[in-house]
Amino acid sequence: MATIKQIAERCGVSVSMVSKALNGVEDVSRSTITRVRKAAEEMGTYPMPPHRR
């Protein structure tokens, strides 16, 4: 499983941008979200489901 830093380096974006893309924050472009999620999947990293409160 890849770290968020490794995904950021592969995609050429910041760690915070990867975090936002994986968490679906709206101020990230659709193309960046797609690129980050694809890289994460290829690297064996999958977003964690939301925690129950």
N, C-alpha and C. Protein backbone atom coordinates (compact mmCIF):
# COMPACT_ATOMS: atom_id res chain seq x y z
N MET A 1 0.84 -1.16 0.00
CA MET A 1 0.00 0.00 0.00
C MET A 1 0.89 1.24 0.00
N ALA A 2 0.55 2.19 -0.84
CA ALA A 2 1.33 3.42 -0.97
C ALA A 2 0.92 4.44 0.08
N THR A 3 1.83 5.32 0.41
CA THR A 3 1.51 6.41 1.32
C THR A 3 0.93 7.58 0.53
N ILE A 4 0.31 8.49 1.24
CA ILE A 4 -0.25 9.67 0.61
C ILE A 4 0.86 10.50 -0.04
N LYS A 5 2.04 10.49 0.56
CA LYS A 5 3.18 11.23 0.01
C LYS A 5 3.62 10.61 -1.32
N GLN A 6 3.64 9.29 -1.41
CA GLN A 6 4.03 8.63 -2.65
C GLN A 6 3.03 8.91 -3.76
N ILE A 7 1.75 8.92 -3.43
CA ILE A 7 0.72 9.24 -4.42
C ILE A 7 0.90 10.67 -4.90
N ALA A 8 1.17 11.59 -3.97
CA ALA A 8 1.38 13.00 -4.33
C ALA A 8 2.56 13.16 -5.28
N GLU A 9 3.66 12.48 -4.98
CA GLU A 9 4.84 12.56 -5.85
C GLU A 9 4.54 12.01 -7.24
N ARG A 10 3.83 10.92 -7.31
CA ARG A 10 3.50 10.32 -8.61
C ARG A 10 2.60 11.23 -9.43
N CYS A 11 1.68 11.92 -8.77
CA CYS A 11 0.72 12.78 -9.48
C CYS A 11 1.22 14.21 -9.67
N GLY A 12 2.31 14.57 -8.99
CA GLY A 12 2.82 15.92 -9.11
C GLY A 12 1.98 16.96 -8.41
N VAL A 13 1.36 16.56 -7.30
CA VAL A 13 0.54 17.48 -6.51
C VAL A 13 1.00 17.40 -5.06
N SER A 14 0.44 18.26 -4.22
CA SER A 14 0.81 18.27 -2.80
C SER A 14 0.08 17.15 -2.05
N VAL A 15 0.60 16.85 -0.88
CA VAL A 15 -0.02 15.86 0.00
C VAL A 15 -1.44 16.30 0.36
N SER A 16 -1.61 17.59 0.63
CA SER A 16 -2.95 18.07 0.98
C SER A 16 -3.92 17.94 -0.19
N MET A 17 -3.43 18.10 -1.41
CA MET A 17 -4.29 17.93 -2.58
C MET A 17 -4.74 16.48 -2.72
N VAL A 18 -3.83 15.55 -2.46
CA VAL A 18 -4.20 14.12 -2.49
C VAL A 18 -5.26 13.84 -1.44
N SER A 19 -5.06 14.36 -0.26
CA SER A 19 -6.04 14.16 0.81
C SER A 19 -7.41 14.70 0.42
N LYS A 20 -7.42 15.89 -0.12
CA LYS A 20 -8.69 16.49 -0.56
C LYS A 20 -9.34 15.67 -1.66
N ALA A 21 -8.54 15.22 -2.63
CA ALA A 21 -9.08 14.44 -3.74
C ALA A 21 -9.67 13.12 -3.26
N LEU A 22 -8.99 12.45 -2.35
CA LEU A 22 -9.48 11.17 -1.85
C LEU A 22 -10.70 11.33 -0.95
N ASN A 23 -10.84 12.50 -0.35
CA ASN A 23 -11.97 12.75 0.55
C ASN A 23 -13.11 13.49 -0.13
N GLY A 24 -12.96 13.79 -1.42
CA GLY A 24 -14.04 14.41 -2.18
C GLY A 24 -14.32 15.87 -1.86
N VAL A 25 -13.31 16.61 -1.45
CA VAL A 25 -13.48 18.04 -1.19
C VAL A 25 -13.78 18.74 -2.51
N GLU A 26 -14.73 19.65 -2.48
CA GLU A 26 -15.24 20.25 -3.71
C GLU A 26 -14.32 21.25 -4.39
N ASP A 27 -13.29 21.75 -3.72
CA ASP A 27 -12.43 22.75 -4.37
C ASP A 27 -11.28 22.14 -5.16
N VAL A 28 -11.38 20.85 -5.46
CA VAL A 28 -10.39 20.14 -6.27
C VAL A 28 -11.01 19.86 -7.63
N SER A 29 -10.25 20.10 -8.69
CA SER A 29 -10.80 19.88 -10.04
C SER A 29 -11.10 18.40 -10.27
N ARG A 30 -12.07 18.18 -11.10
CA ARG A 30 -12.49 16.81 -11.42
C ARG A 30 -11.33 16.01 -12.01
N SER A 31 -10.51 16.64 -12.84
CA SER A 31 -9.38 15.93 -13.46
C SER A 31 -8.34 15.51 -12.42
N THR A 32 -8.11 16.36 -11.42
CA THR A 32 -7.16 16.02 -10.36
C THR A 32 -7.70 14.88 -9.51
N ILE A 33 -8.98 14.93 -9.18
CA ILE A 33 -9.60 13.84 -8.41
C ILE A 33 -9.46 12.52 -9.15
N THR A 34 -9.75 12.54 -10.44
CA THR A 34 -9.66 11.32 -11.25
C THR A 34 -8.23 10.81 -11.29
N ARG A 35 -7.27 11.70 -11.53
CA ARG A 35 -5.86 11.30 -11.60
C ARG A 35 -5.36 10.73 -10.28
N VAL A 36 -5.70 11.38 -9.18
CA VAL A 36 -5.25 10.92 -7.86
C VAL A 36 -5.89 9.59 -7.51
N ARG A 37 -7.18 9.46 -7.72
CA ARG A 37 -7.85 8.20 -7.39
C ARG A 37 -7.35 7.04 -8.25
N LYS A 38 -7.08 7.31 -9.51
CA LYS A 38 -6.54 6.26 -10.38
C LYS A 38 -5.16 5.82 -9.90
N ALA A 39 -4.31 6.79 -9.58
CA ALA A 39 -2.97 6.46 -9.08
C ALA A 39 -3.05 5.69 -7.77
N ALA A 40 -3.94 6.11 -6.88
CA ALA A 40 -4.09 5.43 -5.59
C ALA A 40 -4.52 3.98 -5.80
N GLU A 41 -5.45 3.76 -6.70
CA GLU A 41 -5.91 2.41 -6.98
C GLU A 41 -4.79 1.56 -7.59
N GLU A 42 -4.06 2.13 -8.55
CA GLU A 42 -2.96 1.40 -9.18
C GLU A 42 -1.86 1.06 -8.19
N MET A 43 -1.69 1.91 -7.17
CA MET A 43 -0.65 1.71 -6.17
C MET A 43 -1.14 0.88 -4.99
N GLY A 44 -2.39 0.42 -5.06
CA GLY A 44 -2.92 -0.45 -4.01
C GLY A 44 -3.45 0.28 -2.79
N THR A 45 -3.82 1.52 -2.95
CA THR A 45 -4.37 2.31 -1.85
C THR A 45 -5.82 2.62 -2.17
N TYR A 46 -6.69 2.36 -1.22
CA TYR A 46 -8.11 2.60 -1.41
C TYR A 46 -8.61 3.51 -0.31
N PRO A 47 -9.50 4.44 -0.63
CA PRO A 47 -10.03 5.33 0.40
C PRO A 47 -10.75 4.54 1.49
N MET A 48 -10.55 4.96 2.71
CA MET A 48 -11.23 4.33 3.83
C MET A 48 -12.68 4.78 3.85
N PRO A 49 -13.60 3.88 4.23
CA PRO A 49 -15.01 4.32 4.34
C PRO A 49 -15.15 5.32 5.48
N PRO A 50 -16.17 6.16 5.40
CA PRO A 50 -16.36 7.14 6.48
C PRO A 50 -16.60 6.43 7.81
N HIS A 51 -16.11 7.02 8.87
CA HIS A 51 -16.29 6.43 10.20
C HIS A 51 -17.70 6.71 10.69
N ARG A 52 -18.24 5.75 11.38
CA ARG A 52 -19.56 5.96 11.97
C ARG A 52 -19.41 6.76 13.25
N ARG A 53 -20.34 7.62 13.46
CA ARG A 53 -20.30 8.44 14.68
C ARG A 53 -21.32 7.97 15.65
